[in-house]
Protein backbone atom coordinates (compact mmCIF):
# COMPACT_ATOMS: atom_id res chain seq x y z
CA MET A 1 -57.06 -20.45 -60.59
CA PRO A 2 -54.79 -20.15 -57.56
CA SER A 3 -56.50 -21.69 -54.34
CA VAL A 4 -55.33 -20.72 -50.93
CA ALA A 5 -56.33 -22.14 -47.52
CA VAL A 6 -56.49 -19.82 -44.52
CA VAL A 7 -56.14 -21.48 -41.40
CA GLY A 8 -58.09 -19.95 -38.44
CA GLY A 9 -61.11 -17.17 -38.53
CA GLY A 10 -59.91 -14.91 -36.26
CA ILE A 11 -59.35 -11.45 -37.60
CA SER A 12 -55.67 -12.08 -38.59
CA GLY A 13 -57.11 -14.79 -40.76
CA LEU A 14 -59.97 -12.80 -41.92
CA ALA A 15 -57.64 -10.16 -42.53
CA ALA A 16 -55.32 -12.50 -44.84
CA ALA A 17 -58.12 -13.84 -46.69
CA HIS A 18 -59.43 -10.60 -47.92
CA ARG A 19 -56.11 -9.42 -48.82
CA LEU A 20 -55.42 -12.09 -50.85
CA ARG A 21 -59.00 -12.02 -52.46
CA THR A 22 -57.76 -8.14 -53.72
CA LEU A 23 -54.29 -9.62 -54.76
CA LEU A 24 -55.44 -12.74 -56.49
CA GLY A 25 -58.50 -11.58 -57.99
CA ARG A 26 -62.19 -12.84 -58.07
CA ASP A 27 -61.64 -16.40 -59.63
CA ALA A 28 -58.91 -17.43 -56.80
CA ARG A 29 -60.09 -20.01 -54.51
CA ILE A 30 -59.93 -18.55 -51.28
CA THR A 31 -60.68 -20.62 -48.28
CA VAL A 32 -60.91 -19.87 -44.43
CA LEU A 33 -61.27 -23.16 -42.45
CA GLU A 34 -62.31 -22.40 -38.64
CA ARG A 35 -62.49 -25.18 -36.46
CA GLY A 36 -65.14 -23.52 -34.03
CA SER A 37 -68.71 -22.24 -34.84
CA ARG A 38 -68.14 -18.73 -35.50
CA LEU A 39 -65.87 -16.47 -36.75
CA GLY A 40 -63.89 -13.49 -34.98
CA GLY A 41 -61.41 -15.52 -32.76
CA VAL A 42 -61.48 -13.26 -29.68
CA LEU A 43 -63.44 -10.82 -31.53
CA ARG A 44 -66.90 -11.12 -30.45
CA THR A 45 -69.98 -8.85 -30.52
CA SER A 46 -72.86 -9.76 -28.07
CA THR A 47 -76.10 -8.61 -27.55
CA LEU A 48 -76.52 -6.78 -24.60
CA ALA A 49 -80.15 -5.20 -23.38
CA GLY A 50 -80.56 -4.96 -26.78
CA ALA A 51 -77.21 -3.23 -27.88
CA ALA A 52 -74.49 -4.40 -29.91
CA TYR A 53 -71.50 -4.89 -27.24
CA ASP A 54 -68.12 -6.34 -27.51
CA VAL A 55 -67.31 -8.72 -25.14
CA GLY A 56 -63.59 -9.53 -26.15
CA ALA A 57 -61.47 -6.81 -27.68
CA GLU A 58 -63.21 -3.59 -26.97
CA ALA A 59 -60.94 -0.55 -28.86
CA PHE A 60 -57.66 -0.17 -30.82
CA LEU A 61 -55.30 2.52 -31.29
CA VAL A 62 -56.17 4.59 -34.43
CA ARG A 63 -52.32 5.97 -34.52
CA ARG A 64 -51.88 2.88 -36.08
CA PRO A 65 -53.45 2.84 -39.87
CA GLU A 66 -54.64 -0.74 -40.12
CA VAL A 67 -58.22 -0.44 -38.93
CA PRO A 68 -59.25 2.72 -40.13
CA ALA A 69 -57.65 2.20 -43.94
CA LEU A 70 -59.56 -1.36 -44.04
CA LEU A 71 -62.86 0.73 -42.79
CA ASP A 72 -62.35 3.07 -45.85
CA GLU A 73 -61.67 0.29 -48.04
CA LEU A 74 -64.92 -1.69 -46.91
CA GLY A 75 -67.07 1.36 -47.36
CA LEU A 76 -67.56 0.99 -43.00
CA ALA A 77 -65.59 4.13 -42.34
CA ASP A 78 -69.19 5.65 -40.52
CA GLU A 79 -68.80 2.88 -38.53
CA LEU A 80 -65.76 4.29 -36.37
CA VAL A 81 -66.63 6.18 -33.47
CA HIS A 82 -64.02 7.52 -30.75
CA PRO A 83 -64.09 8.05 -26.87
CA GLY A 84 -65.79 10.81 -25.16
CA ASP A 85 -64.16 13.16 -22.81
CA ALA A 86 -64.05 11.24 -19.64
CA ALA A 87 -60.88 10.06 -18.56
CA PRO A 88 -59.80 6.53 -17.07
CA ALA A 89 -58.92 5.97 -13.56
CA VAL A 90 -56.75 3.71 -11.33
CA LEU A 91 -57.61 2.02 -8.07
CA ALA A 92 -54.19 2.15 -6.00
CA GLY A 93 -53.69 1.96 -2.30
CA GLY A 94 -57.15 2.11 -1.72
CA ARG A 95 -58.10 5.41 -3.64
CA VAL A 96 -59.20 5.87 -6.99
CA ARG A 97 -57.14 8.34 -8.65
CA PRO A 98 -56.58 9.60 -12.39
CA LEU A 99 -54.59 7.26 -14.26
CA PRO A 100 -50.98 8.72 -14.66
CA ALA A 101 -50.75 10.25 -17.79
CA ARG A 102 -47.61 10.50 -20.16
CA THR A 103 -46.58 6.73 -19.34
CA LEU A 104 -45.69 3.80 -21.61
CA MET A 105 -47.54 1.01 -19.80
CA GLY A 106 -47.50 2.61 -17.05
CA VAL A 107 -44.06 3.27 -16.94
CA PRO A 108 -43.67 6.90 -16.05
CA SER A 109 -41.68 9.52 -17.53
CA SER A 110 -41.61 12.00 -14.37
CA ALA A 111 -42.52 11.64 -10.90
CA GLU A 112 -45.35 14.06 -10.78
CA SER A 113 -47.52 11.96 -12.98
CA LEU A 114 -47.57 9.24 -10.00
CA ARG A 115 -48.52 12.02 -7.67
CA GLY A 116 -51.31 10.66 -5.53
CA VAL A 117 -51.11 7.26 -7.10
CA VAL A 118 -48.06 6.09 -4.84
CA SER A 119 -46.73 6.92 -1.70
CA ASP A 120 -44.71 10.26 -1.03
CA SER A 121 -41.70 7.96 0.14
CA ALA A 122 -42.05 5.99 -3.75
CA LEU A 123 -42.26 9.14 -5.02
CA VAL A 124 -38.65 10.14 -3.76
CA GLN A 125 -37.17 7.10 -5.48
CA VAL A 126 -38.72 8.23 -8.44
CA THR A 127 -37.86 11.80 -8.32
CA GLY A 128 -33.99 10.81 -7.89
CA GLU A 129 -34.13 7.87 -10.53
CA GLY A 130 -32.19 10.42 -12.70
CA SER A 131 -29.33 10.64 -10.55
CA ALA A 132 -28.94 7.15 -9.62
CA ALA A 133 -26.22 5.09 -11.48
CA TRP A 134 -27.30 3.66 -14.94
CA ALA A 135 -26.16 0.88 -17.15
CA TRP A 136 -28.04 -0.78 -20.13
CA THR A 137 -27.04 -3.34 -22.42
CA PRO A 138 -28.32 -2.80 -25.91
CA GLY A 139 -30.34 -5.64 -27.18
CA SER A 140 -30.65 -7.04 -23.56
CA ASP A 141 -34.53 -8.24 -22.76
CA PRO A 142 -35.34 -8.32 -18.73
CA THR A 143 -38.86 -8.27 -17.67
CA VAL A 144 -40.71 -4.91 -17.46
CA GLY A 145 -40.89 -6.05 -13.60
CA GLU A 146 -37.01 -6.36 -13.06
CA LEU A 147 -36.20 -2.94 -14.75
CA VAL A 148 -39.03 -1.19 -12.95
CA ARG A 149 -38.45 -2.29 -9.79
CA ALA A 150 -34.96 -1.70 -9.68
CA ARG A 151 -35.08 1.91 -10.93
CA LEU A 152 -38.63 3.34 -9.23
CA GLY A 153 -39.61 0.59 -6.71
CA PRO A 154 -42.26 -2.02 -6.34
CA GLU A 155 -45.22 0.70 -5.72
CA VAL A 156 -45.16 1.87 -9.18
CA VAL A 157 -44.90 -1.87 -10.39
CA ALA A 158 -47.58 -2.86 -8.57
CA ARG A 159 -49.64 0.62 -8.52
CA SER A 160 -49.11 2.21 -12.47
CA VAL A 161 -47.47 -0.62 -14.77
CA ASP A 162 -49.07 -4.05 -13.39
CA PRO A 163 -52.73 -2.64 -14.42
CA LEU A 164 -51.65 -1.43 -17.36
CA LEU A 165 -49.86 -4.36 -18.71
CA GLY A 166 -53.22 -6.51 -17.26
CA GLY A 167 -55.67 -4.59 -19.13
CA VAL A 168 -53.54 -5.14 -22.71
CA TYR A 169 -51.90 -8.44 -22.28
CA SER A 170 -53.63 -9.83 -19.53
CA GLY A 171 -49.92 -10.70 -17.74
CA SER A 172 -48.19 -8.71 -15.62
CA ALA A 173 -44.67 -6.87 -15.61
CA ASP A 174 -42.89 -9.84 -13.91
CA SER A 175 -44.38 -12.24 -16.62
CA LEU A 176 -43.83 -9.68 -20.04
CA GLY A 177 -40.41 -9.10 -21.44
CA LEU A 178 -39.45 -5.23 -21.96
CA ARG A 179 -38.62 -5.59 -26.12
CA ALA A 180 -41.82 -7.03 -26.93
CA ALA A 181 -44.18 -5.35 -24.43
CA VAL A 182 -42.78 -2.23 -24.55
CA PRO A 183 -40.62 -1.74 -27.49
CA THR A 184 -40.74 1.82 -27.90
CA LEU A 185 -39.10 1.98 -24.71
CA ALA A 186 -36.60 -0.47 -25.46
CA ALA A 187 -35.51 1.01 -28.37
CA ALA A 188 -35.05 4.65 -26.65
CA LEU A 189 -33.09 2.47 -23.83
CA ASP A 190 -30.85 1.31 -26.73
CA ALA A 191 -30.69 4.34 -28.38
CA GLY A 192 -28.54 5.80 -25.22
CA ALA A 193 -31.31 7.06 -23.07
CA PRO A 194 -29.27 8.17 -19.71
CA GLY A 195 -31.88 6.63 -17.81
CA LEU A 196 -35.43 4.92 -17.36
CA LEU A 197 -37.43 8.44 -16.94
CA ALA A 198 -35.74 9.61 -19.81
CA GLY A 199 -36.14 6.54 -22.05
CA VAL A 200 -40.03 7.16 -21.51
CA ALA A 201 -39.73 10.36 -22.25
CA ALA A 202 -37.88 9.90 -25.47
CA ALA A 203 -40.24 6.88 -26.76
CA LEU A 204 -43.39 8.97 -26.06
CA PRO A 205 -45.43 9.84 -29.12
CA VAL A 206 -45.23 13.62 -29.86
CA PRO A 207 -48.65 14.62 -28.48
CA ARG A 208 -51.53 15.65 -30.78
CA PRO A 209 -54.24 18.11 -29.06
CA GLY A 210 -57.99 16.90 -30.03
CA ALA A 211 -56.77 13.63 -31.84
CA PRO A 212 -58.31 10.28 -30.53
CA VAL A 213 -55.99 7.75 -29.18
CA PHE A 214 -58.63 5.08 -29.38
CA GLY A 215 -61.54 3.65 -31.79
CA ALA A 216 -64.13 1.31 -31.71
CA LEU A 217 -67.01 -0.01 -34.53
CA ARG A 218 -70.59 1.77 -33.93
CA GLY A 219 -71.66 -2.04 -34.85
CA GLY A 220 -69.38 -3.57 -32.94
CA TYR A 221 -66.55 -5.84 -34.64
CA GLU A 222 -68.88 -8.11 -35.97
CA VAL A 223 -69.45 -5.50 -38.51
CA LEU A 224 -66.02 -5.60 -39.63
CA LEU A 225 -65.84 -9.67 -39.43
CA ALA A 226 -68.69 -10.33 -41.60
CA ALA A 227 -67.21 -7.44 -44.52
CA LEU A 228 -64.08 -9.49 -44.48
CA ALA A 229 -65.69 -12.88 -44.73
CA ALA A 230 -67.97 -11.68 -47.74
CA SER A 231 -65.78 -12.27 -50.46
CA VAL A 232 -64.12 -15.51 -49.72
CA ASP A 233 -65.53 -19.13 -48.86
CA VAL A 234 -65.74 -20.07 -45.32
CA ARG A 235 -66.50 -23.60 -43.79
CA LEU A 236 -66.86 -23.59 -40.18
CA GLU A 237 -66.14 -26.54 -37.71
CA ALA A 238 -63.34 -27.41 -40.02
CA ALA A 239 -60.54 -28.98 -37.96
CA VAL A 240 -57.47 -28.67 -39.55
CA THR A 241 -55.28 -31.57 -38.27
CA ALA A 242 -52.26 -31.62 -40.71
CA VAL A 243 -50.69 -29.59 -43.32
CA THR A 244 -48.09 -31.09 -46.09
CA ARG A 245 -45.90 -29.97 -48.85
CA THR A 246 -46.42 -31.75 -51.67
CA ALA A 247 -44.87 -31.29 -55.36
CA ALA A 248 -47.87 -29.28 -56.21
CA GLY A 249 -48.49 -27.22 -53.29
CA TRP A 250 -49.88 -28.02 -50.08
CA ASP A 251 -52.65 -30.99 -48.65
CA VAL A 252 -54.43 -29.63 -45.99
CA VAL A 253 -55.85 -32.59 -43.63
CA VAL A 254 -59.62 -31.12 -42.88
CA ASP A 255 -61.72 -33.28 -40.88
CA GLY A 256 -59.42 -36.52 -41.50
CA ARG A 257 -59.35 -35.55 -45.32
CA ALA A 258 -56.30 -34.45 -47.35
CA GLU A 259 -57.35 -31.45 -49.59
CA PRO A 260 -54.78 -29.70 -52.07
CA PHE A 261 -54.39 -26.03 -52.14
CA ASP A 262 -51.30 -23.75 -53.69
CA ALA A 263 -50.64 -22.20 -50.41
CA VAL A 264 -51.22 -21.80 -47.23
CA VAL A 265 -52.17 -19.22 -44.19
CA LEU A 266 -51.52 -20.53 -40.52
CA ALA A 267 -53.33 -17.79 -38.18
CA VAL A 268 -54.10 -19.74 -35.36
CA PRO A 269 -53.14 -19.92 -31.59
CA ALA A 270 -49.74 -21.27 -30.66
CA PRO A 271 -50.79 -24.73 -29.59
CA VAL A 272 -52.24 -25.59 -32.95
CA LEU A 273 -49.43 -23.99 -34.74
CA ALA A 274 -46.94 -25.98 -32.89
CA LEU A 275 -48.79 -29.04 -33.94
CA LEU A 276 -49.24 -28.32 -37.66
CA LEU A 277 -45.75 -27.21 -38.15
CA GLY A 278 -44.38 -30.29 -36.17
CA ARG A 279 -42.18 -27.49 -33.74
CA PRO A 280 -42.52 -25.96 -30.53
CA VAL A 281 -43.76 -22.73 -30.57
CA GLU A 282 -42.20 -21.24 -27.18
CA VAL A 283 -45.39 -18.40 -26.21
CA GLU A 284 -47.81 -19.49 -23.31
CA LEU A 285 -51.31 -18.02 -23.02
CA ALA A 286 -53.54 -16.24 -20.20
CA SER A 287 -56.84 -17.18 -20.04
CA VAL A 288 -59.56 -14.09 -18.98
CA ALA A 289 -63.19 -13.81 -18.69
CA VAL A 290 -65.32 -10.55 -19.57
CA VAL A 291 -68.50 -9.64 -17.69
CA GLY A 292 -70.91 -7.16 -19.41
CA LEU A 293 -73.82 -5.43 -17.27
CA ALA A 294 -76.34 -3.66 -18.28
CA TYR A 295 -78.63 -1.37 -15.79
CA ALA A 296 -81.78 0.72 -16.20
CA ALA A 297 -81.08 4.07 -17.80
CA LEU A 298 -80.88 6.14 -14.66
CA THR A 299 -78.35 4.32 -12.85
CA GLU A 300 -75.35 6.44 -12.29
CA LEU A 301 -71.98 5.25 -12.95
CA PRO A 302 -68.63 7.40 -11.97
CA ASP A 303 -67.72 9.78 -14.10
CA THR A 304 -64.62 8.31 -15.69
CA SER A 305 -64.24 5.86 -18.99
CA GLY A 306 -63.26 3.02 -16.62
CA LEU A 307 -61.03 1.88 -13.98
CA LEU A 308 -57.79 -0.13 -13.85
CA VAL A 309 -56.77 -2.28 -10.67
CA ALA A 310 -53.31 -2.29 -8.92
CA THR A 311 -52.19 -5.40 -8.00
CA GLY A 312 -53.04 -6.19 -4.08
CA GLU A 313 -56.24 -4.50 -4.50
CA ALA A 314 -59.23 -6.68 -2.36
CA LEU A 315 -61.28 -6.64 -5.72
CA HIS A 316 -61.71 -9.63 -8.28
CA ALA A 317 -61.96 -8.09 -11.45
CA LYS A 318 -58.57 -6.26 -12.92
CA ALA A 319 -60.58 -3.70 -14.93
CA PHE A 320 -63.60 -2.02 -15.35
CA THR A 321 -64.94 -0.09 -18.85
CA HIS A 322 -67.78 2.10 -18.06
CA SER A 323 -69.01 2.09 -21.31
CA SER A 324 -72.02 4.56 -21.25
CA ARG A 325 -69.42 6.82 -20.15
CA LYS A 326 -66.79 6.33 -22.59
CA TRP A 327 -68.54 5.73 -25.60
CA PRO A 328 -70.95 8.54 -26.75
CA HIS A 329 -72.62 5.81 -29.17
CA LEU A 330 -73.39 3.35 -25.95
CA ALA A 331 -74.71 6.37 -23.99
CA PRO A 332 -78.11 5.62 -22.79
CA ASP A 333 -80.96 7.50 -24.55
CA ARG A 334 -82.97 8.77 -21.27
CA ALA A 335 -86.03 9.97 -23.44
CA ALA A 336 -86.07 6.20 -24.41
CA HIS A 337 -85.00 4.52 -20.95
CA GLY A 338 -81.56 2.96 -22.71
CA PRO A 339 -79.31 0.86 -20.64
CA VAL A 340 -76.31 1.63 -18.67
CA LEU A 341 -73.73 -0.50 -19.97
CA LEU A 342 -70.54 -1.66 -18.40
CA ARG A 343 -67.72 -4.36 -18.70
CA ALA A 344 -65.40 -5.97 -15.90
CA SER A 345 -62.68 -8.18 -17.04
CA LEU A 346 -61.34 -10.83 -14.71
CA GLY A 347 -58.01 -13.25 -14.68
CA ARG A 348 -54.30 -12.71 -15.47
CA PHE A 349 -51.63 -14.87 -17.13
CA GLY A 350 -51.38 -17.85 -14.46
CA GLN A 351 -54.39 -17.24 -12.61
CA THR A 352 -56.62 -20.20 -14.08
CA GLU A 353 -59.25 -20.31 -11.17
CA VAL A 354 -61.34 -17.30 -12.42
CA LEU A 355 -62.61 -19.46 -15.31
CA GLU A 356 -63.55 -22.31 -13.17
CA ARG A 357 -66.19 -20.42 -11.33
CA ASP A 358 -69.88 -20.45 -13.03
CA ASP A 359 -71.38 -17.41 -14.70
CA ASP A 360 -73.44 -16.71 -11.99
CA GLU A 361 -70.74 -16.60 -9.35
CA LEU A 362 -68.68 -14.12 -12.04
CA VAL A 363 -71.53 -11.93 -12.10
CA ALA A 364 -71.64 -11.81 -8.10
CA LEU A 365 -68.02 -11.38 -7.81
CA VAL A 366 -68.42 -8.19 -10.30
CA ARG A 367 -71.42 -6.72 -8.40
CA ALA A 368 -69.42 -7.02 -5.23
CA ASP A 369 -66.82 -4.99 -6.89
CA LEU A 370 -68.99 -2.42 -8.24
CA ALA A 371 -70.70 -2.03 -5.10
CA ALA A 372 -67.19 -2.00 -3.18
CA VAL A 373 -65.30 0.82 -5.38
CA HIS A 374 -68.21 2.59 -6.75
CA GLY A 375 -71.20 1.84 -4.75
CA VAL A 376 -73.23 0.77 -7.73
CA SER A 377 -75.58 -1.68 -5.81
CA ALA A 378 -78.49 -1.70 -8.60
CA VAL A 379 -79.50 -5.13 -10.00
CA PRO A 380 -78.33 -5.47 -13.78
CA VAL A 381 -81.49 -5.92 -15.79
CA ASP A 382 -78.75 -8.29 -18.27
CA THR A 383 -75.56 -9.80 -18.27
CA VAL A 384 -73.40 -11.80 -20.31
CA VAL A 385 -70.53 -13.34 -19.57
CA GLN A 386 -67.71 -14.54 -22.01
CA ARG A 387 -64.57 -16.70 -21.26
CA TRP A 388 -61.38 -16.82 -23.17
CA THR A 389 -59.60 -19.87 -22.49
CA ASP A 390 -55.86 -19.49 -23.40
CA GLY A 391 -57.13 -16.24 -25.64
CA LEU A 392 -54.27 -14.20 -25.09
CA PRO A 393 -50.29 -14.73 -25.98
CA GLN A 394 -47.59 -13.66 -23.79
CA TYR A 395 -44.77 -11.94 -24.67
CA GLY A 396 -42.02 -13.38 -21.87
CA PRO A 397 -38.38 -12.19 -22.63
CA GLY A 398 -37.16 -13.33 -25.64
CA HIS A 399 -40.11 -13.02 -27.58
CA LEU A 400 -38.78 -11.31 -30.11
CA ALA A 401 -35.89 -13.90 -30.59
CA VAL A 402 -38.70 -16.83 -30.53
CA VAL A 403 -40.66 -15.31 -33.37
CA THR A 404 -37.65 -14.55 -35.05
CA ARG A 405 -36.82 -18.41 -35.27
CA LEU A 406 -40.34 -19.16 -35.86
CA GLU A 407 -40.38 -16.90 -39.14
CA ALA A 408 -37.01 -18.41 -40.30
CA ALA A 409 -38.63 -21.78 -39.99
CA VAL A 410 -41.32 -20.84 -41.81
CA ALA A 411 -39.48 -19.30 -44.26
CA GLU A 412 -38.03 -22.49 -45.59
CA ARG A 413 -41.46 -23.71 -46.64
CA PRO A 414 -42.25 -22.42 -49.52
CA GLY A 415 -46.14 -21.19 -49.77
CA LEU A 416 -46.60 -21.52 -46.06
CA GLU A 417 -47.23 -18.32 -44.11
CA VAL A 418 -48.40 -17.55 -40.12
CA ALA A 419 -49.99 -14.55 -38.95
CA GLY A 420 -51.88 -13.44 -35.74
CA SER A 421 -51.16 -11.84 -32.43
CA LEU A 422 -48.33 -14.26 -31.41
CA LEU A 423 -46.03 -12.26 -33.46
CA HIS A 424 -45.83 -8.65 -33.60
CA GLY A 425 -48.56 -7.52 -31.13
CA VAL A 426 -52.07 -8.44 -29.58
CA GLY A 427 -53.96 -5.53 -30.80
CA VAL A 428 -56.25 -5.91 -33.48
CA PRO A 429 -54.14 -3.52 -36.05
CA ALA A 430 -51.24 -5.52 -35.34
CA CYS A 431 -53.04 -8.65 -36.11
CA ILE A 432 -54.46 -6.99 -39.35
CA GLY A 433 -50.80 -6.10 -40.31
CA THR A 434 -49.84 -9.90 -39.92
CA GLY A 435 -52.45 -11.27 -41.92
CA ALA A 436 -51.82 -8.83 -44.84
CA ALA A 437 -48.36 -9.20 -44.81
CA ALA A 438 -49.06 -12.91 -45.20
CA ALA A 439 -51.54 -12.73 -47.88
CA VAL A 440 -48.61 -10.40 -49.80
CA ARG A 441 -45.96 -12.86 -49.53
CA VAL A 442 -48.15 -15.71 -50.70
CA ALA A 443 -48.69 -13.83 -53.94
CA GLU A 444 -45.54 -12.94 -54.44
CA HIS A 445 -44.79 -16.62 -54.13
CA LEU A 446 -47.45 -17.59 -56.34
CA ALA A 447 -46.29 -15.20 -58.97
CA ALA A 448 -42.91 -16.54 -58.58
CA ARG A 449 -44.02 -20.17 -59.45
CA GLY A 450 -46.40 -18.72 -62.33
CA ALA A 451 -49.61 -19.58 -60.81
CA HIS A 452 -51.00 -16.37 -60.92
CA GLY A 453 -49.77 -12.65 -62.15
CA PRO A 454 -47.77 -10.30 -60.47
CA PRO A 455 -49.15 -9.17 -57.16
CA VAL A 456 -51.36 -6.19 -56.95
CA ALA A 457 -50.04 -3.73 -54.16
CA PRO A 458 -52.36 -3.86 -51.52
């Protein structure tokens, strides 16, 4: 009866534990050890005015197969929902404009997509980018800001790129490396694209009219988390302080006591991973706060799915999601006087002061922003504040090399695997992918040493 410890009860660890169950069978001992009092990591479903409401990650890319496939496998396909027709906007130059289309993380494929978002003088530089001298070193990894500012100018960075990168990574164009943050663009440039705009155009996915880009879960991510945890042993408030290789496998020190396992998956944040591996993990972290607000049913929201905020605007929040406009399942039932829901996100990499304010202050700041930009001055009927201290890894220049060195070091320790958002993507699909891949490698290791039969394909 093989035994595997999964350290970390976020989505990556739970995905690994679930896949290990399917690979190793019902008799295997799969134990999730979570140091906190709840599962989910930066996924959390709260209750806002009686509605299930995610206050961590909100949506996922449906063009990646991991989440839909997992929902099908778990019998949760009916939970998958998609956004409605409302489009996103950006606050740039003091004006609310449609979010530029056909971009990669805000890096445009044409000047026309930026019209109205940047000034006419900035458009001139963007328009002429294709005829400017171009030199690109394949394999290089500048910050996104360095590349875009040199080719397209500072306004494009502040008003188009920073809002997107802030929304996804809680970083900025000047803190994130191109190769990890916008990998398809780096690949297009390596392949010989004659300029930046041309590289974006080559890297953009083929349009699929009518096909949704994003998905969410009707009951919130807690539905998926519960299903993943159902078939494995879960221990909360279980602090793991060391993992040590033994002749038989691995000893995991939990709350001061060593427990033996055949293999271990580490799905923990970078500082904890560094402690358990006994080696540096060169990945910095950003802290953010999410404020959810519920209003009475007749409260009017802007007819957009949300608003990203450009660098330099006089707001405290970096982004708003008009949830009751974006998601049909959260639209108010006016007959039943259902609530109108929205959320704001505050904080970027290097901005820790936002987390020093108390909940009432954060709600007041968000309400002031809403009144200033949308004219929404109503008093909310309910609020929720969620802080994510060191919640998001930052993919700085050279991040892929950091991950390569980390994975090589772990590969030298048979029966030990890593998973999580610090590796190959911060989105939910990428995290699920790293957890599943770690589980497969563990099953192969156990099969090779005779601890179990051959692994079953996931």
